[in-house]
Amino acid sequence: MAEAEKDALSGRETTGHEWDGLKELNTPLPRWWLYVFYATIVWAVGYWIVYPAWPSLSDFTKGAIGYSSRAEHAKTLAEVKKSRSGWISRFESASVTDIAKDNELRTYAMAGGRAIFAENCAPCHAAAGSGNVGYPSLADDDWLWGGNVESIYTSIRYGIRSGHDEARVSEMPPFGAEKLLTEAQIADVADYVLSLSGGGGSDSAKRGEKVFAAECAACHGDNGKGNKELGAPNLTDVIWLHSGNRASIIGQITRPKLGVMPSWEGRLDPVSLKQVSIYVHSLGGGQ
């Protein structure tokens, strides 16, 4: 057997590999590294034996101690549910109005409602309830269906145009799409609506006032301040669900956008519905 070549500078044997004059030294791994490596192999084998590890076509190895993360999770949830049972029973027996008046229950509701809102409501209404275009702000005092805690609870529970039998429903007619008004009348009434929130008067607004009285006042009121019984918005403030410019108002009169809020009954349990209602009411716009 030929003697292994040694590197002239370091004195170590080489592997015989050479690239562009650079020779690879046959340097052994440090012993501590090898011991750690062997220990990890032993640990892995032990882990496979003790814990669930290997899948099969229909099942998996259960492990020597029969550990299950799902079982542990279920146990933890059961313990949490047991610890909350006293609170839950109080929530179940109290109305949302009574909860709002009880400082202890209200504090508990706020903590749970904040988490429920962040997970289920914030994607549309924004983290602080400030709303987005097409999604109403929950932090102002402009409420289509009323801003007291009971009204908020009803809206959350049954939804808006959600298909639920108890859902709140209001639909603005498509005055332009169904030729209920001419384009000129729609333009005039849009100018009048703008004048209600300080947009200034004009001859077209004066003509639009007559159209408004005949076609719109039944829902929005003679003074345009809306009707919470019908979900008709107040047109005299500067709060707009979509946009308050003239073109958007004309578009809404011509072919209105009718949003949908889902019914949360069945998606959230009764206690969670009350908690998130209390939280929404606290955002600053509750009446």
Protein backbone atom coordinates (compact mmCIF):
# COMPACT_ATOMS: atom_id res chain seq x y z
CA MET A 1 0.00 0.00 0.00
CA ALA A 2 1.38 3.37 -1.00
CA GLU A 3 2.16 5.71 1.85
CA ALA A 4 -0.25 8.67 2.11
CA GLU A 5 1.17 11.97 0.93
CA LYS A 6 1.80 14.56 3.60
CA ASP A 7 1.45 18.29 3.27
CA ALA A 8 4.88 19.91 3.48
CA LEU A 9 3.63 22.97 5.42
CA SER A 10 1.31 21.40 8.03
CA GLY A 11 2.70 17.87 8.10
CA ARG A 12 -0.85 16.40 7.83
CA GLU A 13 -1.80 13.66 5.45
CA THR A 14 -3.77 14.67 2.39
CA THR A 15 -6.77 12.96 0.82
CA GLY A 16 -5.14 12.92 -2.58
CA HIS A 17 -7.53 15.55 -3.94
CA GLU A 18 -6.00 18.61 -5.52
CA TRP A 19 -7.56 21.67 -7.23
CA ASP A 20 -5.39 24.25 -8.94
CA GLY A 21 -2.48 23.38 -6.72
CA LEU A 22 -4.55 23.34 -3.50
CA LYS A 23 -4.46 20.01 -1.67
CA GLU A 24 -7.21 18.79 0.67
CA LEU A 25 -5.96 17.85 4.12
CA ASN A 26 -7.30 14.72 5.81
CA THR A 27 -8.14 16.48 9.08
CA PRO A 28 -10.27 14.43 11.53
CA LEU A 29 -13.33 15.95 13.15
CA PRO A 30 -12.93 17.19 16.75
CA ARG A 31 -13.78 14.48 19.30
CA TRP A 32 -16.26 16.71 21.14
CA TRP A 33 -18.15 17.23 17.89
CA LEU A 34 -18.29 13.49 17.21
CA TYR A 35 -19.53 12.78 20.76
CA VAL A 36 -22.31 15.36 20.37
CA PHE A 37 -23.25 13.89 16.99
CA TYR A 38 -23.46 10.37 18.41
CA ALA A 39 -25.51 11.68 21.35
CA THR A 40 -28.05 13.25 18.98
CA ILE A 41 -28.46 9.91 17.22
CA VAL A 42 -29.13 8.17 20.54
CA TRP A 43 -31.54 10.97 21.52
CA ALA A 44 -33.43 10.67 18.23
CA VAL A 45 -33.86 6.90 18.60
CA GLY A 46 -35.10 7.39 22.16
CA TYR A 47 -37.49 10.12 21.03
CA TRP A 48 -38.94 7.84 18.34
CA ILE A 49 -39.60 5.19 20.98
CA VAL A 50 -41.05 7.46 23.67
CA TYR A 51 -43.17 9.87 21.58
CA PRO A 52 -45.50 9.43 18.59
CA ALA A 53 -43.27 9.61 15.54
CA TRP A 54 -43.66 7.27 12.59
CA PRO A 55 -46.68 7.41 10.27
CA SER A 56 -48.21 4.39 8.60
CA LEU A 57 -50.80 4.09 5.86
CA SER A 58 -53.70 4.46 8.29
CA ASP A 59 -52.23 5.39 11.70
CA PHE A 60 -48.99 6.29 13.47
CA THR A 61 -46.84 4.97 16.30
CA LYS A 62 -48.27 6.07 19.64
CA GLY A 63 -45.03 6.15 21.60
CA ALA A 64 -44.18 4.45 24.89
CA ILE A 65 -45.81 7.14 27.05
CA GLY A 66 -48.88 7.60 24.85
CA TYR A 67 -48.43 11.38 24.62
CA SER A 68 -50.89 13.37 22.49
CA SER A 69 -50.65 17.13 21.92
CA ARG A 70 -54.34 17.15 20.97
CA ALA A 71 -55.27 15.46 24.24
CA GLU A 72 -53.15 17.98 26.15
CA HIS A 73 -54.81 20.84 24.30
CA ALA A 74 -58.27 19.44 25.01
CA LYS A 75 -57.33 19.08 28.68
CA THR A 76 -56.14 22.69 28.82
CA LEU A 77 -59.34 23.93 27.16
CA ALA A 78 -61.43 21.93 29.62
CA GLU A 79 -59.55 23.49 32.54
CA VAL A 80 -60.03 26.98 31.10
CA LYS A 81 -63.73 26.32 30.52
CA LYS A 82 -64.10 25.09 34.07
CA SER A 83 -62.38 28.20 35.44
CA ARG A 84 -64.73 30.39 33.40
CA SER A 85 -67.90 28.50 34.18
CA GLY A 86 -68.95 30.96 36.88
CA TRP A 87 -68.50 33.93 34.56
CA ILE A 88 -70.19 32.18 31.65
CA SER A 89 -73.29 31.35 33.66
CA ARG A 90 -73.58 34.99 34.71
CA PHE A 91 -73.23 36.15 31.11
CA GLU A 92 -75.79 33.65 29.87
CA SER A 93 -78.38 34.77 32.40
CA ALA A 94 -77.85 38.53 31.90
CA SER A 95 -78.95 40.70 29.01
CA VAL A 96 -76.33 42.69 27.15
CA THR A 97 -77.77 45.88 28.67
CA ASP A 98 -77.42 44.48 32.20
CA ILE A 99 -73.84 43.43 31.45
CA ALA A 100 -72.99 46.96 30.31
CA LYS A 101 -74.26 48.34 33.64
CA ASP A 102 -72.34 45.81 35.77
CA ASN A 103 -68.74 47.03 36.20
CA GLU A 104 -67.39 43.56 36.97
CA LEU A 105 -69.08 41.86 34.02
CA ARG A 106 -68.31 44.78 31.73
CA THR A 107 -64.59 44.56 32.52
CA TYR A 108 -64.61 40.85 31.77
CA ALA A 109 -66.57 41.44 28.56
CA MET A 110 -64.12 44.08 27.38
CA ALA A 111 -61.17 41.72 27.68
CA GLY A 112 -62.88 38.95 25.73
CA GLY A 113 -64.57 41.31 23.26
CA ARG A 114 -61.27 42.92 22.29
CA ALA A 115 -59.82 39.55 21.25
CA ILE A 116 -63.02 38.51 19.45
CA PHE A 117 -63.13 41.81 17.56
CA ALA A 118 -59.48 41.54 16.49
CA GLU A 119 -60.02 38.05 15.12
CA ASN A 120 -63.40 38.46 13.44
CA CYS A 121 -64.26 42.13 12.88
CA ALA A 122 -61.03 44.08 12.39
CA PRO A 123 -60.39 42.83 8.81
CA CYS A 124 -63.38 44.92 7.67
CA HIS A 125 -63.82 47.58 10.34
CA ALA A 126 -60.07 48.11 11.03
CA ALA A 127 -58.22 47.43 14.27
CA ALA A 128 -59.61 50.41 16.19
CA GLY A 129 -63.03 50.25 14.55
CA SER A 130 -62.20 53.26 12.37
CA GLY A 131 -63.71 51.56 9.32
CA ASN A 132 -62.77 51.44 5.64
CA VAL A 133 -64.45 52.58 2.43
CA GLY A 134 -67.66 50.56 2.26
CA TYR A 135 -67.27 49.40 5.88
CA PRO A 136 -68.68 51.75 8.52
CA SER A 137 -66.66 53.32 11.29
CA LEU A 138 -67.62 52.04 14.73
CA ALA A 139 -65.79 54.83 16.51
CA ASP A 140 -68.03 57.74 15.56
CA ASP A 141 -71.60 58.51 16.61
CA ASP A 142 -73.19 57.83 13.22
CA TRP A 143 -75.24 54.63 13.41
CA LEU A 144 -77.61 53.43 10.70
CA TRP A 145 -79.52 51.14 13.06
CA GLY A 146 -78.85 52.77 16.43
CA GLY A 147 -75.78 52.88 18.60
CA ASN A 148 -77.03 51.72 22.00
CA VAL A 149 -75.61 48.42 23.18
CA GLU A 150 -78.81 46.48 22.49
CA SER A 151 -79.01 47.76 18.90
CA ILE A 152 -75.33 46.89 18.33
CA TYR A 153 -75.93 43.41 19.74
CA THR A 154 -78.87 42.90 17.37
CA SER A 155 -76.82 43.99 14.35
CA ILE A 156 -73.94 41.67 15.25
CA ARG A 157 -76.14 38.74 16.10
CA TYR A 158 -78.38 38.79 13.01
CA GLY A 159 -76.34 40.80 10.52
CA ILE A 160 -77.32 43.22 7.78
CA ARG A 161 -78.90 41.71 4.65
CA SER A 162 -77.26 38.47 5.76
CA GLY A 163 -80.10 36.13 4.83
CA HIS A 164 -80.93 35.45 8.50
CA ASP A 165 -84.65 35.55 9.22
CA GLU A 166 -84.09 38.30 11.80
CA ALA A 167 -81.46 40.22 9.81
CA ARG A 168 -81.75 43.97 9.44
CA VAL A 169 -82.76 44.75 5.87
CA SER A 170 -82.97 48.02 3.99
CA GLU A 171 -82.54 48.50 0.27
CA MET A 172 -82.26 51.79 -1.53
CA PRO A 173 -84.02 51.59 -4.91
CA PRO A 174 -81.85 51.85 -8.03
CA PHE A 175 -83.44 55.09 -9.18
CA GLY A 176 -81.38 55.28 -12.33
CA ALA A 177 -81.05 51.63 -13.28
CA GLU A 178 -84.81 51.14 -13.09
CA LYS A 179 -85.60 54.52 -14.70
CA LEU A 180 -87.41 55.77 -11.62
CA LEU A 181 -85.68 59.11 -12.07
CA THR A 182 -84.12 60.73 -15.10
CA GLU A 183 -80.41 61.54 -15.22
CA ALA A 184 -81.24 65.22 -14.79
CA GLN A 185 -83.36 64.52 -11.70
CA ILE A 186 -80.61 62.35 -10.21
CA ALA A 187 -78.05 65.12 -10.77
CA ASP A 188 -80.39 67.66 -9.16
CA VAL A 189 -81.12 65.53 -6.11
CA ALA A 190 -77.39 64.80 -5.71
CA ASP A 191 -76.75 68.53 -5.58
CA TYR A 192 -79.48 68.89 -2.98
CA VAL A 193 -77.99 66.09 -0.86
CA LEU A 194 -74.62 67.83 -1.02
CA SER A 195 -76.26 71.06 0.12
CA LEU A 196 -77.63 69.30 3.21
CA SER A 197 -74.10 68.86 4.55
CA GLY A 198 -72.94 72.37 3.70
CA GLY A 199 -72.23 71.87 0.03
CA GLY A 200 -73.87 75.16 -0.90
CA GLY A 201 -77.09 75.90 -2.73
CA SER A 202 -77.79 76.20 -6.45
CA ASP A 203 -80.68 76.18 -8.86
CA SER A 204 -80.16 72.45 -9.39
CA ALA A 205 -80.24 71.90 -5.60
CA LYS A 206 -83.55 73.74 -5.42
CA ARG A 207 -84.96 71.51 -8.13
CA GLY A 208 -83.48 68.50 -6.35
CA GLU A 209 -85.24 69.46 -3.11
CA LYS A 210 -88.56 68.76 -4.78
CA VAL A 211 -87.36 65.39 -6.08
CA PHE A 212 -85.99 64.56 -2.63
CA ALA A 213 -89.30 65.37 -0.96
CA ALA A 214 -91.17 63.12 -3.38
CA GLU A 215 -88.76 60.17 -3.61
CA CYS A 216 -86.28 60.20 -0.71
CA ALA A 217 -87.83 61.85 2.34
CA ALA A 218 -89.93 58.79 3.15
CA CYS A 219 -86.78 56.99 4.29
CA HIS A 220 -84.24 59.75 4.95
CA GLY A 221 -86.71 62.14 6.57
CA ASP A 222 -87.90 65.53 5.47
CA ASN A 223 -84.72 67.11 6.83
CA GLY A 224 -82.43 64.32 5.55
CA LYS A 225 -81.34 63.25 9.03
CA GLY A 226 -82.09 59.60 8.38
CA ASN A 227 -84.21 56.98 10.08
CA LYS A 228 -82.70 54.31 12.33
CA GLU A 229 -85.83 52.21 12.13
CA LEU A 230 -85.19 51.77 8.40
CA GLY A 231 -81.41 51.90 8.44
CA ALA A 232 -81.52 55.06 6.30
CA PRO A 233 -78.36 57.15 6.77
CA ASN A 234 -78.17 60.73 7.92
CA LEU A 235 -77.35 62.89 4.90
CA THR A 236 -76.71 66.11 6.81
CA ASP A 237 -73.39 65.17 8.36
CA VAL A 238 -70.15 64.63 6.44
CA ILE A 239 -69.90 60.92 7.20
CA TRP A 240 -70.16 58.79 4.08
CA LEU A 241 -70.00 55.03 3.86
CA HIS A 242 -68.58 55.04 0.33
CA SER A 243 -67.67 58.57 -0.72
CA GLY A 244 -69.21 62.02 -0.45
CA ASN A 245 -68.24 63.54 -3.77
CA ARG A 246 -70.88 64.39 -6.36
CA ALA A 247 -70.00 61.56 -8.75
CA SER A 248 -70.23 58.95 -5.98
CA ILE A 249 -73.57 60.27 -4.76
CA ILE A 250 -74.94 60.18 -8.31
CA GLY A 251 -73.65 56.63 -8.66
CA GLN A 252 -75.27 55.60 -5.37
CA ILE A 253 -78.62 57.05 -6.41
CA THR A 254 -78.39 55.48 -9.86
CA ARG A 255 -77.34 51.99 -8.77
CA PRO A 256 -76.73 51.80 -5.02
CA LYS A 257 -74.11 49.60 -3.39
CA LEU A 258 -75.79 47.41 -0.80
CA GLY A 259 -73.32 45.93 1.63
CA VAL A 260 -73.75 42.75 3.64
CA MET A 261 -72.71 42.07 7.20
CA PRO A 262 -72.83 38.39 8.11
CA SER A 263 -74.90 37.05 10.95
CA TRP A 264 -72.57 36.01 13.75
CA GLU A 265 -75.17 33.87 15.47
CA GLY A 266 -73.85 30.33 15.20
CA ARG A 267 -70.35 31.56 14.35
CA LEU A 268 -69.88 32.98 17.82
CA ASP A 269 -71.38 31.51 20.98
CA PRO A 270 -73.96 33.59 22.91
CA VAL A 271 -71.41 34.78 25.48
CA SER A 272 -68.97 35.91 22.78
CA LEU A 273 -71.75 37.82 21.01
CA LYS A 274 -72.44 39.79 24.17
CA GLN A 275 -68.76 40.41 24.84
CA VAL A 276 -67.98 41.79 21.40
CA SER A 277 -71.14 43.94 21.50
CA ILE A 278 -69.92 45.54 24.74
CA TYR A 279 -66.50 46.11 23.20
CA VAL A 280 -67.88 47.72 20.03
CA HIS A 281 -70.07 49.98 22.14
CA SER A 282 -66.95 51.12 24.02
CA LEU A 283 -65.02 52.16 20.91
CA GLY A 284 -66.29 55.70 21.21
CA GLY A 285 -69.34 55.82 19.02
CA GLY A 286 -71.80 53.97 21.21
CA GLN A 287 -74.89 55.91 22.23
